[in-house]
N, C-alpha and C. Protein backbone atom coordinates (compact mmCIF):
# COMPACT_ATOMS: atom_id res chain seq x y z
N MET A 1 102.77 100.48 94.59
CA MET A 1 101.46 99.93 94.90
C MET A 1 100.64 99.63 93.65
N LYS A 2 101.16 99.95 92.46
CA LYS A 2 100.43 99.61 91.26
C LYS A 2 100.13 98.11 91.23
N ASP A 3 99.05 97.77 90.56
CA ASP A 3 98.50 96.42 90.54
C ASP A 3 97.79 96.11 91.85
N LYS A 4 97.60 97.11 92.69
CA LYS A 4 96.80 96.95 93.89
C LYS A 4 95.38 97.45 93.64
N VAL A 5 94.47 96.92 94.44
CA VAL A 5 93.06 97.31 94.37
C VAL A 5 92.69 98.07 95.64
N LEU A 6 91.92 99.12 95.49
CA LEU A 6 91.35 99.85 96.62
C LEU A 6 89.87 99.51 96.68
N LEU A 7 89.44 98.94 97.82
CA LEU A 7 88.05 98.51 97.97
C LEU A 7 87.43 99.15 99.20
N PHE A 8 86.28 99.78 99.02
CA PHE A 8 85.52 100.36 100.12
C PHE A 8 84.32 99.46 100.40
N ILE A 9 84.16 99.08 101.69
CA ILE A 9 83.01 98.29 102.09
C ILE A 9 82.24 99.02 103.19
N ASN A 10 81.12 98.45 103.59
CA ASN A 10 80.13 99.23 104.34
C ASN A 10 80.31 99.18 105.85
N GLY A 11 81.49 99.63 106.34
CA GLY A 11 81.68 99.86 107.77
C GLY A 11 81.73 101.35 108.00
N ASP A 12 82.58 101.79 108.92
CA ASP A 12 82.75 103.22 109.13
C ASP A 12 83.44 103.86 107.93
N ALA A 13 82.91 104.98 107.51
CA ALA A 13 83.52 105.70 106.39
C ALA A 13 84.88 106.25 106.80
N PRO A 14 85.87 106.17 105.94
CA PRO A 14 87.19 106.74 106.27
C PRO A 14 87.13 108.26 106.36
N LYS A 15 87.96 108.82 107.21
CA LYS A 15 88.03 110.28 107.33
C LYS A 15 88.93 110.89 106.26
N SER A 16 89.76 110.09 105.65
CA SER A 16 90.60 110.54 104.55
C SER A 16 90.84 109.37 103.61
N PHE A 17 91.24 109.69 102.40
CA PHE A 17 91.46 108.67 101.38
C PHE A 17 92.94 108.55 101.05
N PRO A 18 93.38 107.35 100.69
CA PRO A 18 94.77 107.21 100.21
C PRO A 18 94.90 107.84 98.82
N ASP A 19 96.11 107.93 98.34
CA ASP A 19 96.35 108.47 97.01
C ASP A 19 95.78 107.51 95.96
N LEU A 20 94.75 107.95 95.27
CA LEU A 20 94.06 107.07 94.32
C LEU A 20 94.94 106.69 93.14
N GLU A 21 95.94 107.52 92.85
CA GLU A 21 96.80 107.24 91.71
C GLU A 21 97.68 106.01 91.93
N ASN A 22 97.74 105.54 93.17
CA ASN A 22 98.57 104.37 93.47
C ASN A 22 97.86 103.05 93.19
N TYR A 23 96.61 103.11 92.74
CA TYR A 23 95.83 101.90 92.56
C TYR A 23 95.46 101.68 91.10
N SER A 24 95.51 100.42 90.69
CA SER A 24 95.13 100.05 89.34
C SER A 24 93.63 99.86 89.19
N LEU A 25 92.95 99.57 90.28
CA LEU A 25 91.51 99.36 90.24
C LEU A 25 90.91 99.86 91.55
N ILE A 26 89.78 100.55 91.47
CA ILE A 26 89.09 101.10 92.64
C ILE A 26 87.64 100.65 92.58
N ALA A 27 87.15 100.12 93.69
CA ALA A 27 85.79 99.56 93.71
C ALA A 27 85.14 99.79 95.06
N CYS A 28 83.84 99.54 95.12
CA CYS A 28 83.13 99.63 96.39
C CYS A 28 81.91 98.72 96.34
N THR A 29 81.40 98.38 97.51
CA THR A 29 80.11 97.71 97.61
C THR A 29 79.02 98.77 97.58
N ASP A 30 77.79 98.36 97.36
CA ASP A 30 76.73 99.36 97.20
C ASP A 30 76.49 100.15 98.49
N GLY A 31 76.68 99.53 99.65
CA GLY A 31 76.53 100.27 100.89
C GLY A 31 77.57 101.36 101.03
N ALA A 32 78.81 101.07 100.64
CA ALA A 32 79.88 102.07 100.71
C ALA A 32 79.66 103.18 99.70
N PHE A 33 78.97 102.89 98.61
CA PHE A 33 78.68 103.91 97.60
C PHE A 33 77.96 105.10 98.21
N HIS A 34 77.08 104.84 99.18
CA HIS A 34 76.34 105.92 99.83
C HIS A 34 77.28 106.87 100.57
N TYR A 35 78.21 106.33 101.38
CA TYR A 35 79.07 107.24 102.12
C TYR A 35 80.10 107.90 101.22
N LEU A 36 80.52 107.23 100.14
CA LEU A 36 81.43 107.88 99.21
C LEU A 36 80.78 109.10 98.57
N LYS A 37 79.50 108.99 98.24
CA LYS A 37 78.78 110.16 97.71
C LYS A 37 78.76 111.29 98.73
N ASP A 38 78.47 110.96 99.98
CA ASP A 38 78.39 111.98 101.03
C ASP A 38 79.73 112.66 101.26
N LEU A 39 80.82 111.93 101.03
CA LEU A 39 82.16 112.48 101.25
C LEU A 39 82.74 113.14 99.99
N ASP A 40 81.92 113.27 98.96
CA ASP A 40 82.35 113.88 97.70
C ASP A 40 83.54 113.16 97.08
N PHE A 41 83.54 111.83 97.23
CA PHE A 41 84.56 111.02 96.56
C PHE A 41 84.37 111.15 95.05
N PRO A 42 85.45 111.20 94.27
CA PRO A 42 85.30 111.28 92.81
C PRO A 42 84.77 109.95 92.25
N LEU A 43 83.46 109.86 92.12
CA LEU A 43 82.81 108.61 91.75
C LEU A 43 83.24 108.10 90.38
N ASP A 44 83.69 109.01 89.52
CA ASP A 44 84.15 108.58 88.20
C ASP A 44 85.39 107.72 88.28
N LYS A 45 86.10 107.73 89.45
CA LYS A 45 87.29 106.91 89.63
C LYS A 45 86.94 105.45 89.92
N LEU A 46 85.70 105.17 90.26
CA LEU A 46 85.29 103.80 90.58
C LEU A 46 85.25 102.96 89.31
N ASP A 47 85.85 101.77 89.39
CA ASP A 47 85.81 100.83 88.27
C ASP A 47 84.58 99.94 88.32
N PHE A 48 84.16 99.60 89.53
CA PHE A 48 82.89 98.88 89.66
C PHE A 48 82.29 99.09 91.03
N ILE A 49 80.97 98.90 91.10
CA ILE A 49 80.20 98.96 92.34
C ILE A 49 79.37 97.68 92.38
N SER A 50 79.53 96.89 93.43
CA SER A 50 78.84 95.60 93.48
C SER A 50 77.85 95.54 94.64
N GLY A 51 76.79 94.78 94.45
CA GLY A 51 75.79 94.61 95.50
C GLY A 51 74.44 94.28 94.91
N ASP A 52 73.40 94.28 95.78
CA ASP A 52 72.06 93.99 95.28
C ASP A 52 71.29 95.25 94.90
N PHE A 53 71.77 96.43 95.37
CA PHE A 53 71.25 97.73 94.97
C PHE A 53 69.78 97.95 95.35
N ASP A 54 69.34 97.31 96.40
CA ASP A 54 67.96 97.50 96.83
C ASP A 54 67.67 98.93 97.28
N SER A 55 68.70 99.64 97.76
CA SER A 55 68.48 100.96 98.33
C SER A 55 68.93 102.09 97.40
N HIS A 56 69.21 101.80 96.15
CA HIS A 56 69.72 102.82 95.23
C HIS A 56 68.60 103.37 94.36
N SER A 57 68.45 104.69 94.40
CA SER A 57 67.39 105.31 93.60
C SER A 57 67.73 106.73 93.17
N GLY A 58 68.93 107.21 93.44
CA GLY A 58 69.28 108.60 93.16
C GLY A 58 69.87 108.83 91.79
N SER A 59 70.15 110.09 91.49
CA SER A 59 70.67 110.45 90.17
C SER A 59 72.06 109.87 89.93
N ASP A 60 72.88 109.79 90.99
CA ASP A 60 74.23 109.22 90.81
C ASP A 60 74.15 107.77 90.38
N GLU A 61 73.14 107.04 90.89
CA GLU A 61 72.99 105.65 90.50
C GLU A 61 72.69 105.54 89.01
N ASN A 62 71.95 106.49 88.46
CA ASN A 62 71.65 106.47 87.03
C ASN A 62 72.89 106.81 86.21
N ILE A 63 73.67 107.80 86.68
CA ILE A 63 74.86 108.22 85.95
C ILE A 63 75.89 107.10 85.88
N TYR A 64 76.07 106.37 87.01
CA TYR A 64 77.12 105.35 87.08
C TYR A 64 76.58 103.93 86.96
N HIS A 65 75.40 103.82 86.39
CA HIS A 65 74.75 102.51 86.31
C HIS A 65 75.60 101.49 85.57
N GLU A 66 76.37 101.93 84.58
CA GLU A 66 77.17 100.98 83.79
C GLU A 66 78.29 100.36 84.61
N LYS A 67 78.61 100.94 85.77
CA LYS A 67 79.65 100.39 86.64
C LYS A 67 79.10 99.37 87.63
N PHE A 68 77.78 99.22 87.69
CA PHE A 68 77.16 98.32 88.67
C PHE A 68 77.34 96.86 88.26
N ILE A 69 77.69 96.04 89.22
CA ILE A 69 77.70 94.59 89.03
C ILE A 69 76.72 94.02 90.04
N HIS A 70 75.63 93.48 89.52
CA HIS A 70 74.56 93.00 90.39
C HIS A 70 74.93 91.65 90.99
N THR A 71 74.94 91.57 92.33
CA THR A 71 75.32 90.33 93.03
C THR A 71 74.25 90.03 94.09
N PRO A 72 73.12 89.45 93.69
CA PRO A 72 71.99 89.27 94.62
C PRO A 72 72.10 88.08 95.57
N ASP A 73 73.12 87.24 95.43
CA ASP A 73 73.25 86.04 96.24
C ASP A 73 73.30 86.38 97.74
N GLN A 74 72.31 85.96 98.50
CA GLN A 74 72.24 86.26 99.93
C GLN A 74 73.04 85.29 100.79
N GLU A 75 73.63 84.27 100.19
CA GLU A 75 74.42 83.30 100.94
C GLU A 75 75.83 83.81 101.24
N ARG A 76 76.26 84.86 100.55
CA ARG A 76 77.59 85.43 100.75
C ARG A 76 77.46 86.92 100.99
N THR A 77 78.41 87.49 101.74
CA THR A 77 78.37 88.92 102.02
C THR A 77 78.81 89.71 100.78
N ASP A 78 78.50 91.01 100.79
CA ASP A 78 78.93 91.87 99.69
C ASP A 78 80.45 91.92 99.60
N PHE A 79 81.12 91.89 100.74
CA PHE A 79 82.58 91.87 100.75
C PHE A 79 83.11 90.63 100.05
N HIS A 80 82.55 89.48 100.39
CA HIS A 80 82.95 88.21 99.79
C HIS A 80 82.78 88.27 98.27
N LYS A 81 81.63 88.77 97.83
CA LYS A 81 81.35 88.80 96.40
C LYS A 81 82.25 89.80 95.68
N ALA A 82 82.58 90.91 96.34
CA ALA A 82 83.49 91.88 95.72
C ALA A 82 84.88 91.27 95.55
N LEU A 83 85.34 90.51 96.53
CA LEU A 83 86.66 89.86 96.41
C LEU A 83 86.67 88.85 95.26
N GLU A 84 85.58 88.15 95.08
CA GLU A 84 85.50 87.20 93.95
C GLU A 84 85.62 87.93 92.62
N ILE A 85 84.96 89.07 92.51
CA ILE A 85 85.05 89.86 91.28
C ILE A 85 86.48 90.33 91.04
N ILE A 86 87.12 90.78 92.11
CA ILE A 86 88.50 91.26 92.01
C ILE A 86 89.43 90.14 91.54
N LEU A 87 89.25 88.95 92.10
CA LEU A 87 90.05 87.80 91.65
C LEU A 87 89.81 87.49 90.17
N GLU A 88 88.55 87.55 89.76
CA GLU A 88 88.22 87.29 88.35
C GLU A 88 88.87 88.29 87.43
N LYS A 89 89.11 89.51 87.93
CA LYS A 89 89.74 90.54 87.13
C LYS A 89 91.26 90.43 87.15
N GLY A 90 91.79 89.45 87.91
CA GLY A 90 93.21 89.18 87.88
C GLY A 90 94.04 89.88 88.92
N PHE A 91 93.42 90.40 89.98
CA PHE A 91 94.14 91.09 91.05
C PHE A 91 94.14 90.26 92.32
N ASP A 92 95.23 90.36 93.09
CA ASP A 92 95.28 89.61 94.35
C ASP A 92 95.87 90.43 95.50
N ASN A 93 96.03 91.74 95.33
CA ASN A 93 96.46 92.62 96.42
C ASN A 93 95.39 93.69 96.62
N VAL A 94 94.79 93.70 97.82
CA VAL A 94 93.63 94.56 98.06
C VAL A 94 93.79 95.33 99.36
N ASP A 95 93.63 96.64 99.29
CA ASP A 95 93.54 97.48 100.48
C ASP A 95 92.06 97.77 100.73
N VAL A 96 91.60 97.47 101.95
CA VAL A 96 90.18 97.57 102.28
C VAL A 96 89.94 98.67 103.30
N PHE A 97 89.03 99.58 102.98
CA PHE A 97 88.57 100.61 103.91
C PHE A 97 87.10 100.36 104.21
N GLY A 98 86.72 100.61 105.47
CA GLY A 98 85.34 100.37 105.86
C GLY A 98 85.09 98.96 106.38
N GLY A 99 86.15 98.26 106.76
CA GLY A 99 85.99 96.89 107.25
C GLY A 99 85.58 96.81 108.70
N SER A 100 85.78 97.89 109.47
CA SER A 100 85.43 97.89 110.89
C SER A 100 84.41 98.98 111.17
N GLY A 101 83.98 99.06 112.43
CA GLY A 101 82.97 100.03 112.79
C GLY A 101 81.59 99.55 112.39
N GLY A 102 80.61 100.39 112.65
CA GLY A 102 79.25 99.99 112.33
C GLY A 102 78.81 98.83 113.20
N GLU A 103 78.11 97.88 112.62
CA GLU A 103 77.64 96.71 113.35
C GLU A 103 78.79 95.72 113.49
N GLN A 104 79.09 95.34 114.72
CA GLN A 104 80.30 94.55 114.99
C GLN A 104 80.23 93.14 114.45
N ASP A 105 79.02 92.61 114.21
CA ASP A 105 78.95 91.30 113.58
C ASP A 105 79.48 91.38 112.15
N HIS A 106 79.32 92.54 111.51
CA HIS A 106 79.89 92.72 110.18
C HIS A 106 81.42 92.70 110.24
N PHE A 107 81.98 93.34 111.26
CA PHE A 107 83.44 93.35 111.42
C PHE A 107 83.97 91.92 111.55
N LEU A 108 83.34 91.13 112.43
CA LEU A 108 83.78 89.74 112.59
C LEU A 108 83.58 88.96 111.30
N GLY A 109 82.48 89.23 110.62
CA GLY A 109 82.25 88.56 109.34
C GLY A 109 83.30 88.92 108.31
N ASN A 110 83.73 90.19 108.31
CA ASN A 110 84.76 90.61 107.35
C ASN A 110 86.09 89.90 107.61
N LEU A 111 86.43 89.72 108.90
CA LEU A 111 87.65 88.99 109.22
C LEU A 111 87.55 87.55 108.73
N THR A 112 86.39 86.95 108.92
CA THR A 112 86.20 85.56 108.49
C THR A 112 86.29 85.44 106.98
N VAL A 113 85.72 86.40 106.26
CA VAL A 113 85.83 86.39 104.80
C VAL A 113 87.29 86.52 104.37
N ALA A 114 88.02 87.46 104.98
CA ALA A 114 89.43 87.64 104.64
C ALA A 114 90.24 86.38 104.93
N PHE A 115 89.91 85.70 106.03
CA PHE A 115 90.58 84.45 106.37
C PHE A 115 90.37 83.41 105.27
N GLY A 116 89.17 83.38 104.73
CA GLY A 116 88.87 82.41 103.68
C GLY A 116 89.61 82.68 102.39
N PHE A 117 90.03 83.92 102.17
CA PHE A 117 90.75 84.29 100.94
C PHE A 117 92.25 84.43 101.15
N LYS A 118 92.76 84.16 102.36
CA LYS A 118 94.15 84.50 102.67
C LYS A 118 95.17 83.75 101.84
N ASP A 119 94.82 82.59 101.31
CA ASP A 119 95.75 81.83 100.49
C ASP A 119 95.69 82.24 99.02
N GLN A 120 94.70 83.07 98.67
CA GLN A 120 94.54 83.54 97.29
C GLN A 120 94.89 85.01 97.11
N MET A 121 94.78 85.78 98.20
CA MET A 121 94.92 87.22 98.09
C MET A 121 95.65 87.78 99.30
N ASN A 122 96.30 88.92 99.09
CA ASN A 122 96.87 89.70 100.18
C ASN A 122 95.88 90.82 100.48
N ILE A 123 95.16 90.71 101.60
CA ILE A 123 94.12 91.66 101.97
C ILE A 123 94.56 92.43 103.20
N GLN A 124 94.62 93.75 103.09
CA GLN A 124 95.01 94.59 104.22
C GLN A 124 93.88 95.57 104.53
N PHE A 125 93.44 95.57 105.79
CA PHE A 125 92.39 96.47 106.24
C PHE A 125 93.01 97.73 106.83
N TYR A 126 92.33 98.86 106.63
CA TYR A 126 92.76 100.13 107.20
C TYR A 126 91.55 100.83 107.82
N ASP A 127 91.72 101.35 109.05
CA ASP A 127 90.70 102.20 109.63
C ASP A 127 91.38 103.38 110.33
N GLU A 128 90.63 104.13 111.12
CA GLU A 128 91.20 105.33 111.73
C GLU A 128 92.18 105.02 112.86
N PHE A 129 92.23 103.75 113.30
CA PHE A 129 93.07 103.39 114.44
C PHE A 129 94.25 102.52 114.05
N SER A 130 94.08 101.67 113.06
CA SER A 130 95.12 100.69 112.79
C SER A 130 95.01 100.14 111.38
N GLU A 131 96.02 99.37 111.02
CA GLU A 131 95.96 98.50 109.85
C GLU A 131 96.06 97.07 110.36
N TYR A 132 95.40 96.15 109.72
CA TYR A 132 95.40 94.78 110.22
C TYR A 132 95.19 93.81 109.07
N TYR A 133 95.82 92.64 109.22
CA TYR A 133 95.79 91.65 108.16
C TYR A 133 96.40 90.35 108.68
N PHE A 134 96.10 89.26 107.98
CA PHE A 134 96.70 87.97 108.29
C PHE A 134 98.13 87.95 107.75
N ILE A 135 99.04 87.39 108.55
CA ILE A 135 100.45 87.41 108.17
C ILE A 135 100.95 85.99 107.90
N PRO A 136 101.97 85.86 107.03
CA PRO A 136 102.55 84.55 106.75
C PRO A 136 103.40 84.06 107.92
N LYS A 137 103.90 82.85 107.80
CA LYS A 137 104.65 82.22 108.89
C LYS A 137 105.96 82.96 109.19
N LEU A 138 106.54 83.60 108.20
CA LEU A 138 107.70 84.46 108.38
C LEU A 138 107.30 85.85 107.92
N PHE A 139 107.41 86.83 108.81
CA PHE A 139 106.87 88.16 108.52
C PHE A 139 107.78 89.24 109.08
N LEU A 140 108.00 90.30 108.29
CA LEU A 140 108.79 91.44 108.73
C LEU A 140 108.01 92.72 108.46
N ALA A 141 107.77 93.51 109.51
CA ALA A 141 107.11 94.81 109.38
C ALA A 141 108.14 95.91 109.56
N LYS A 142 108.11 96.92 108.69
CA LYS A 142 109.07 98.01 108.73
C LYS A 142 108.42 99.31 109.19
N LYS A 143 109.25 100.27 109.61
CA LYS A 143 108.79 101.58 110.08
C LYS A 143 107.79 101.44 111.22
N MET A 144 108.14 100.63 112.20
CA MET A 144 107.20 100.26 113.26
C MET A 144 107.48 100.91 114.60
N LYS A 145 108.64 101.49 114.82
CA LYS A 145 109.03 101.94 116.16
C LYS A 145 107.99 102.89 116.75
N GLY A 146 107.55 102.57 117.97
CA GLY A 146 106.58 103.39 118.68
C GLY A 146 105.13 103.06 118.41
N ARG A 147 104.88 102.13 117.52
CA ARG A 147 103.50 101.79 117.20
C ARG A 147 103.00 100.66 118.10
N ILE A 148 101.73 100.69 118.41
CA ILE A 148 101.10 99.59 119.16
C ILE A 148 100.96 98.39 118.23
N VAL A 149 101.32 97.22 118.74
CA VAL A 149 101.23 96.00 117.97
C VAL A 149 100.42 94.96 118.75
N SER A 150 99.46 94.37 118.10
CA SER A 150 98.68 93.28 118.71
C SER A 150 98.69 92.09 117.77
N LEU A 151 98.74 90.90 118.35
CA LEU A 151 98.68 89.66 117.59
C LEU A 151 97.48 88.87 118.07
N TYR A 152 96.72 88.35 117.13
CA TYR A 152 95.50 87.62 117.49
C TYR A 152 95.50 86.27 116.79
N PRO A 153 95.55 85.16 117.56
CA PRO A 153 95.49 83.83 116.94
C PRO A 153 94.13 83.57 116.33
N PHE A 154 94.08 82.95 115.17
CA PHE A 154 92.81 82.79 114.44
C PHE A 154 92.71 81.38 113.88
N PRO A 155 92.27 80.37 114.63
CA PRO A 155 91.94 80.45 116.05
C PRO A 155 93.12 80.08 116.96
N PHE A 156 94.25 79.64 116.36
CA PHE A 156 95.41 79.30 117.18
C PHE A 156 96.68 79.57 116.37
N ALA A 157 97.78 79.68 117.07
CA ALA A 157 99.10 79.78 116.43
C ALA A 157 100.12 79.17 117.39
N GLU A 158 101.10 78.47 116.83
CA GLU A 158 102.07 77.76 117.65
C GLU A 158 103.49 78.25 117.39
N ASN A 159 104.30 78.18 118.45
CA ASN A 159 105.73 78.51 118.38
C ASN A 159 105.96 79.93 117.82
N ILE A 160 105.27 80.89 118.42
CA ILE A 160 105.40 82.28 117.99
C ILE A 160 106.68 82.89 118.56
N ILE A 161 107.47 83.50 117.69
CA ILE A 161 108.70 84.18 118.10
C ILE A 161 108.66 85.59 117.51
N THR A 162 108.89 86.59 118.36
CA THR A 162 108.90 87.97 117.87
C THR A 162 110.21 88.65 118.25
N LYS A 163 110.61 89.61 117.44
CA LYS A 163 111.76 90.45 117.73
C LYS A 163 111.37 91.89 117.41
N GLY A 164 111.83 92.80 118.24
CA GLY A 164 111.56 94.21 118.03
C GLY A 164 110.40 94.75 118.83
N LEU A 165 109.80 93.92 119.70
CA LEU A 165 108.69 94.35 120.54
C LEU A 165 109.16 94.55 121.99
N GLN A 166 108.45 95.39 122.71
CA GLN A 166 108.81 95.65 124.11
C GLN A 166 108.71 94.38 124.94
N TRP A 167 107.69 93.58 124.69
CA TRP A 167 107.53 92.30 125.38
C TRP A 167 107.60 91.19 124.34
N PRO A 168 108.80 90.66 124.09
CA PRO A 168 108.96 89.66 123.03
C PRO A 168 108.32 88.33 123.39
N LEU A 169 108.00 87.58 122.38
CA LEU A 169 107.46 86.23 122.54
C LEU A 169 108.51 85.24 122.08
N ASP A 170 108.65 84.16 122.83
CA ASP A 170 109.68 83.16 122.51
C ASP A 170 109.05 81.78 122.55
N ASN A 171 108.72 81.25 121.37
CA ASN A 171 108.09 79.93 121.24
C ASN A 171 106.79 79.83 122.04
N VAL A 172 105.94 80.80 121.86
CA VAL A 172 104.66 80.85 122.56
C VAL A 172 103.58 80.20 121.70
N ASN A 173 102.74 79.39 122.35
CA ASN A 173 101.54 78.85 121.72
C ASN A 173 100.34 79.67 122.16
N ALA A 174 99.46 80.02 121.24
CA ALA A 174 98.33 80.88 121.59
C ALA A 174 97.04 80.34 120.99
N ASP A 175 95.97 80.51 121.75
CA ASP A 175 94.63 80.08 121.35
C ASP A 175 93.68 81.24 121.58
N MET A 176 92.78 81.52 120.63
CA MET A 176 91.92 82.68 120.73
C MET A 176 90.95 82.61 121.90
N THR A 177 90.71 81.41 122.44
CA THR A 177 89.76 81.28 123.56
C THR A 177 90.37 81.65 124.90
N LYS A 178 91.71 81.79 124.96
CA LYS A 178 92.29 82.02 126.28
C LYS A 178 93.53 82.92 126.29
N ASP A 179 94.10 83.21 125.14
CA ASP A 179 95.36 83.95 125.11
C ASP A 179 95.18 85.31 124.44
N MET A 180 95.71 86.34 125.12
CA MET A 180 95.66 87.69 124.57
C MET A 180 97.07 88.24 124.40
N MET A 181 97.38 88.65 123.18
CA MET A 181 98.70 89.21 122.88
C MET A 181 98.49 90.60 122.28
N ILE A 182 97.85 91.46 123.06
CA ILE A 182 97.47 92.77 122.55
C ILE A 182 98.20 93.89 123.29
N ARG A 183 98.21 95.07 122.65
CA ARG A 183 98.78 96.29 123.23
C ARG A 183 100.26 96.16 123.57
N ASN A 184 100.99 95.50 122.70
CA ASN A 184 102.45 95.49 122.81
C ASN A 184 102.97 96.74 122.08
N PHE A 185 104.27 97.01 122.17
CA PHE A 185 104.84 98.19 121.51
C PHE A 185 106.08 97.81 120.73
N ALA A 186 106.21 98.41 119.56
CA ALA A 186 107.43 98.21 118.78
C ALA A 186 108.52 99.14 119.30
N VAL A 187 109.65 98.55 119.70
CA VAL A 187 110.78 99.33 120.19
C VAL A 187 111.90 99.41 119.15
N LYS A 188 111.72 98.72 118.05
CA LYS A 188 112.66 98.76 116.93
C LYS A 188 111.90 99.18 115.67
N ASP A 189 112.65 99.67 114.71
CA ASP A 189 112.02 100.08 113.46
C ASP A 189 111.47 98.87 112.71
N HIS A 190 112.19 97.74 112.82
CA HIS A 190 111.73 96.51 112.17
C HIS A 190 111.22 95.54 113.23
N VAL A 191 110.08 94.95 112.98
CA VAL A 191 109.50 93.94 113.86
C VAL A 191 109.37 92.65 113.06
N SER A 192 109.97 91.58 113.57
CA SER A 192 109.87 90.28 112.90
C SER A 192 109.01 89.34 113.73
N ILE A 193 108.23 88.54 113.02
CA ILE A 193 107.34 87.58 113.66
C ILE A 193 107.43 86.28 112.87
N GLU A 194 107.58 85.18 113.58
CA GLU A 194 107.51 83.88 112.93
C GLU A 194 106.73 82.92 113.81
N TYR A 195 106.08 81.98 113.16
CA TYR A 195 105.35 80.93 113.88
C TYR A 195 105.25 79.73 112.96
N GLN A 196 104.91 78.57 113.53
CA GLN A 196 105.00 77.32 112.77
C GLN A 196 103.66 76.79 112.30
N LYS A 197 102.63 76.91 113.12
CA LYS A 197 101.32 76.36 112.76
C LYS A 197 100.23 77.36 113.09
N GLY A 198 99.08 77.22 112.42
CA GLY A 198 97.96 78.08 112.70
C GLY A 198 97.99 79.35 111.87
N ASP A 199 97.31 80.39 112.37
CA ASP A 199 97.25 81.67 111.66
C ASP A 199 97.24 82.81 112.67
N LEU A 200 97.84 83.93 112.27
CA LEU A 200 97.92 85.11 113.12
C LEU A 200 97.36 86.32 112.38
N LEU A 201 96.56 87.07 113.11
CA LEU A 201 96.08 88.36 112.63
C LEU A 201 96.92 89.44 113.29
N PHE A 202 97.50 90.31 112.48
CA PHE A 202 98.45 91.32 112.93
C PHE A 202 97.79 92.69 112.91
N PHE A 203 97.85 93.41 114.04
CA PHE A 203 97.32 94.76 114.12
C PHE A 203 98.48 95.72 114.39
N ALA A 204 98.58 96.80 113.65
CA ALA A 204 99.57 97.84 113.89
C ALA A 204 98.84 99.17 114.04
N GLY A 205 98.91 99.77 115.21
CA GLY A 205 98.25 101.04 115.45
C GLY A 205 98.91 102.16 114.67
N LYS A 206 98.13 103.13 114.24
CA LYS A 206 98.67 104.25 113.49
C LYS A 206 99.43 105.22 114.38
N LYS A 207 98.95 105.39 115.60
CA LYS A 207 99.51 106.41 116.48
C LYS A 207 100.89 105.99 116.97
N ARG A 208 101.85 106.88 116.86
CA ARG A 208 103.20 106.62 117.34
C ARG A 208 103.40 107.28 118.69
N MET A 209 104.31 106.73 119.47
CA MET A 209 104.62 107.25 120.79
C MET A 209 105.42 108.56 120.66
């Protein structure tokens, strides 16, 4: 996982953290900085904290002030601006915590931001229930047996073929306004997915059967 970035944004705080030693760069938005402090995250591990910092006034903000990157532009979200900084630093693989929960318009906004960067970066979201990310036209997921799998067209996907799921898809066309491909189950360790046009958001539940 080296050369990967760990990014915390302002959704639900994670209940546990991944191994920090697996990441080359660790960052957060200013909203996530608050919950990281509350969770006794080792703040010295942060490489940068980005945001407008309107709500920062504590001693930790003074100690780590040199890590702050001020991004006051209100036309883009803090998540969007953090991804731009990460790209400028030469990274394109990002694990995101805090992308869901909280205000649901933020969750939808985070998906839209990730969609906009999908051709430049590999962005994977993690929360207490699942991992989710946009997948390429040919995709193989490993260690999947027993996990819940959902596919979401964004906004459409054509000629979807899956292998390794309890209810396989065979040349299915899907549109987000009318088609639901959720709560399937992986019956094989490897799950393969291919499609020809459009984009698919892949969800893999953490809980195994």
